[in-house]
Amino acid sequence: MANLRTVLTIQYTDELPPEESILPAIPVKEERTKPTGILSKVGDFFTNLFGRFSGKKAKDKEVVQDEPTMVEFEPPEVDRKARKKYLLQFASQIVEKHKQNINVKYPPASLPGEYPARRSGKLQRSIYYKPRTAESLEDNSRIKIGYKSQGKPDPAFYSKILAGRGRLGLADTADNMPKPSKFGQIEIRYPGDRS
């Protein structure tokens, strides 16, 4: 496969814990009074009432210590495969939108501040992202989006020349895309010069 000149990467801003991580159970001590409920209140009322007549003092409530209860905390269930597919779908949307943006027929040539006009279509065909499947995408990893280097003239090199001449590029398309947040915030990073 041809090399990919990465223009941008996308990834989730929050990291998922490893699937095998389990939080330990935490002991929780409970203190309660015995007896409890409405019947105990009625019983206390009569004990206090008859205790006064008999001259006996009502007993204080007995505090009972229960055995510590183990409470397990599980992290919220995250559909990891759906999360990966959603990120891949966003990468695909960026690529398709950029292909549409540079699908303006030549002539005339594009001007600075516009997307490049399509001459041979080679630049348009070279737009690519990897990895391409949810199975090959690790948790908390990023997807690279850029131009495949392929033959001469090299579209990856040509895209840098166009950016240097003020044409809009892949980074501009990504900046104008609405960022979905179904499974968390998606961050776009530009490892190079955004061209």
Protein backbone atom coordinates (compact mmCIF):
# COMPACT_ATOMS: atom_id res chain seq x y z
CA MET A 1 0.00 0.00 0.00
CA ALA A 2 1.12 3.54 -0.67
CA ASN A 3 2.31 5.81 2.13
CA LEU A 4 -0.18 8.11 3.78
CA ARG A 5 0.85 11.72 4.37
CA THR A 6 -1.19 12.50 7.46
CA VAL A 7 -2.82 15.93 7.54
CA LEU A 8 -4.97 15.38 10.62
CA THR A 9 -5.97 12.77 13.17
CA ILE A 10 -9.24 12.30 15.00
CA GLN A 11 -9.78 10.60 18.34
CA TYR A 12 -11.98 10.73 21.41
CA THR A 13 -10.83 13.14 24.11
CA ASP A 14 -11.80 10.76 26.92
CA GLU A 15 -9.98 7.48 27.35
CA LEU A 16 -11.79 4.27 28.09
CA PRO A 17 -10.43 2.05 30.84
CA PRO A 18 -9.11 -1.31 29.63
CA GLU A 19 -11.88 -3.87 29.22
CA GLU A 20 -10.39 -6.20 31.82
CA SER A 21 -10.14 -3.53 34.52
CA ILE A 22 -12.51 -4.20 37.38
CA LEU A 23 -12.89 -1.90 40.32
CA PRO A 24 -12.52 -3.73 43.65
CA ALA A 25 -15.47 -4.13 46.00
CA ILE A 26 -15.58 -1.59 48.80
CA PRO A 27 -16.78 -2.62 52.28
CA VAL A 28 -19.53 -0.39 53.63
CA LYS A 29 -20.59 -0.52 57.29
CA GLU A 30 -24.21 0.14 58.05
CA GLU A 31 -25.52 1.21 61.43
CA ARG A 32 -29.19 0.87 62.11
CA THR A 33 -31.43 0.81 65.13
CA LYS A 34 -33.36 -2.25 66.08
CA PRO A 35 -36.36 -2.63 65.66
CA THR A 36 -37.26 -0.41 62.74
CA GLY A 37 -40.46 0.59 61.03
CA ILE A 38 -43.84 1.85 62.14
CA LEU A 39 -44.51 -1.08 64.43
CA SER A 40 -41.46 -0.23 66.50
CA LYS A 41 -42.71 3.33 66.90
CA VAL A 42 -46.07 2.06 68.12
CA GLY A 43 -44.25 -0.33 70.46
CA ASP A 44 -42.07 2.50 71.77
CA PHE A 45 -45.17 4.59 72.43
CA PHE A 46 -46.83 1.86 74.53
CA THR A 47 -43.58 1.00 76.32
CA ASN A 48 -43.13 4.63 77.30
CA LEU A 49 -46.80 4.94 78.26
CA PHE A 50 -46.96 1.80 80.40
CA GLY A 51 -43.46 2.37 81.72
CA ARG A 52 -44.62 5.59 83.29
CA PHE A 53 -47.45 3.83 85.06
CA SER A 54 -45.28 0.97 86.29
CA GLY A 55 -42.44 3.23 87.35
CA LYS A 56 -40.02 1.52 85.00
CA LYS A 57 -37.86 3.52 82.66
CA ALA A 58 -38.13 2.74 78.93
CA LYS A 59 -35.09 1.06 77.41
CA ASP A 60 -32.87 2.98 75.04
CA LYS A 61 -32.81 1.62 71.53
CA GLU A 62 -30.18 -0.97 70.96
CA VAL A 63 -27.68 -0.11 68.20
CA VAL A 64 -26.87 -3.10 66.04
CA GLN A 65 -23.68 -3.37 63.99
CA ASP A 66 -24.21 -5.32 60.80
CA GLU A 67 -21.51 -7.23 59.04
CA PRO A 68 -19.82 -5.02 56.43
CA THR A 69 -21.68 -5.16 53.15
CA MET A 70 -19.56 -5.47 50.00
CA VAL A 71 -20.69 -2.98 47.37
CA GLU A 72 -19.26 -3.47 43.90
CA PHE A 73 -18.94 -0.54 41.54
CA GLU A 74 -18.93 -1.33 37.87
CA PRO A 75 -17.93 1.22 35.28
CA PRO A 76 -20.78 2.30 33.02
CA GLU A 77 -21.27 -0.08 30.13
CA VAL A 78 -19.75 1.31 26.93
CA ASP A 79 -20.40 -0.27 23.57
CA ARG A 80 -16.80 -0.22 22.44
CA LYS A 81 -17.45 -1.53 18.95
CA ALA A 82 -20.20 1.04 18.30
CA ARG A 83 -17.89 3.79 19.59
CA LYS A 84 -15.17 2.73 17.14
CA LYS A 85 -17.62 2.49 14.23
CA TYR A 86 -18.91 5.97 15.04
CA LEU A 87 -15.37 7.40 14.91
CA LEU A 88 -14.72 5.60 11.61
CA GLN A 89 -17.98 6.97 10.24
CA PHE A 90 -16.89 10.50 11.15
CA ALA A 91 -13.55 9.95 9.39
CA SER A 92 -15.42 8.72 6.32
CA GLN A 93 -17.65 11.80 6.39
CA ILE A 94 -14.63 14.13 6.46
CA VAL A 95 -13.07 12.32 3.49
CA GLU A 96 -16.30 12.31 1.46
CA LYS A 97 -17.00 15.99 2.22
CA HIS A 98 -13.48 16.96 1.12
CA LYS A 99 -13.86 14.95 -2.07
CA GLN A 100 -17.06 16.91 -2.76
CA ASN A 101 -15.31 20.20 -1.98
CA ILE A 102 -12.59 19.60 -4.57
CA ASN A 103 -15.00 18.27 -7.19
CA VAL A 104 -15.22 21.64 -8.94
CA LYS A 105 -14.42 21.22 -12.62
CA TYR A 106 -11.39 22.92 -14.21
CA PRO A 107 -11.24 25.42 -15.95
CA PRO A 108 -11.27 27.92 -14.40
CA ALA A 109 -8.49 27.42 -11.90
CA SER A 110 -9.28 27.96 -8.24
CA LEU A 111 -8.27 31.16 -6.48
CA PRO A 112 -6.62 31.56 -3.08
CA GLY A 113 -9.22 30.95 -0.36
CA GLU A 114 -11.07 28.36 -2.50
CA TYR A 115 -10.80 24.61 -2.74
CA PRO A 116 -8.64 23.42 -5.66
CA ALA A 117 -10.43 22.70 -8.92
CA ARG A 118 -10.40 19.11 -10.18
CA ARG A 119 -8.16 18.55 -13.17
CA SER A 120 -7.23 14.86 -13.37
CA GLY A 121 -9.06 13.70 -10.22
CA LYS A 122 -5.87 12.13 -8.83
CA LEU A 123 -5.81 14.43 -5.78
CA GLN A 124 -9.43 13.61 -5.09
CA ARG A 125 -8.82 9.84 -5.33
CA SER A 126 -5.81 10.04 -3.02
CA ILE A 127 -7.76 11.25 0.03
CA TYR A 128 -7.72 8.37 2.50
CA TYR A 129 -8.02 7.41 6.15
CA LYS A 130 -6.68 4.50 8.17
CA PRO A 131 -7.39 2.23 9.92
CA ARG A 132 -10.48 1.33 7.91
CA THR A 133 -12.27 -1.17 10.19
CA ALA A 134 -13.45 -1.20 13.81
CA GLU A 135 -11.57 -4.47 14.37
CA SER A 136 -8.24 -2.87 13.47
CA LEU A 137 -8.91 0.25 15.57
CA GLU A 138 -7.70 -0.07 19.16
CA ASP A 139 -9.52 1.56 22.08
CA ASN A 140 -8.31 5.12 22.65
CA SER A 141 -6.43 5.21 19.35
CA ARG A 142 -6.68 7.72 16.55
CA ILE A 143 -7.60 7.64 12.90
CA LYS A 144 -5.21 9.26 10.45
CA ILE A 145 -6.63 11.19 7.51
CA GLY A 146 -4.51 12.44 4.66
CA TYR A 147 -3.33 11.86 1.10
CA LYS A 148 -1.92 8.61 -0.28
CA SER A 149 1.36 8.98 -2.09
CA GLN A 150 1.00 7.33 -5.47
CA GLY A 151 3.19 7.77 -8.49
CA LYS A 152 4.10 11.02 -10.23
CA PRO A 153 2.92 13.66 -9.89
CA ASP A 154 2.47 12.78 -6.24
CA PRO A 155 -0.92 14.03 -4.92
CA ALA A 156 0.38 14.19 -1.35
CA PHE A 157 3.18 16.53 -2.46
CA TYR A 158 0.83 18.48 -4.74
CA SER A 159 -1.59 19.13 -1.84
CA LYS A 160 1.24 20.89 0.05
CA ILE A 161 1.95 23.10 -2.96
CA LEU A 162 -1.73 24.03 -3.26
CA ALA A 163 -1.90 24.88 0.46
CA GLY A 164 1.21 27.02 0.08
CA ARG A 165 -0.61 28.95 -2.64
CA GLY A 166 -3.56 29.68 -0.36
CA ARG A 167 -5.96 26.95 -1.46
CA LEU A 168 -8.23 25.36 1.12
CA GLY A 169 -7.41 21.82 2.13
CA LEU A 170 -8.42 18.82 4.16
CA ALA A 171 -7.88 20.63 7.47
CA ASP A 172 -10.32 23.36 6.41
CA THR A 173 -12.95 20.75 5.55
CA ALA A 174 -12.49 19.06 8.94
CA ASP A 175 -12.74 22.41 10.76
CA ASN A 176 -16.11 23.09 9.14
CA MET A 177 -17.59 19.68 9.96
CA PRO A 178 -19.97 19.44 12.93
CA LYS A 179 -18.31 17.32 15.61
CA PRO A 180 -20.60 14.49 16.72
CA SER A 181 -20.64 13.63 20.42
CA LYS A 182 -22.75 10.51 20.74
CA PHE A 183 -19.97 8.48 22.42
CA GLY A 184 -17.81 11.33 23.73
CA GLN A 185 -16.09 14.44 22.43
CA ILE A 186 -14.06 13.98 19.26
CA GLU A 187 -10.83 15.92 18.96
CA ILE A 188 -9.15 16.84 15.68
CA ARG A 189 -5.37 17.25 15.79
CA TYR A 190 -3.04 18.57 13.13
CA PRO A 191 0.36 16.93 13.54
CA GLY A 192 2.00 19.05 10.85
CA ASP A 193 1.37 22.29 9.04
CA ARG A 194 -2.36 21.68 8.23
CA SER A 195 -1.68 21.38 4.48
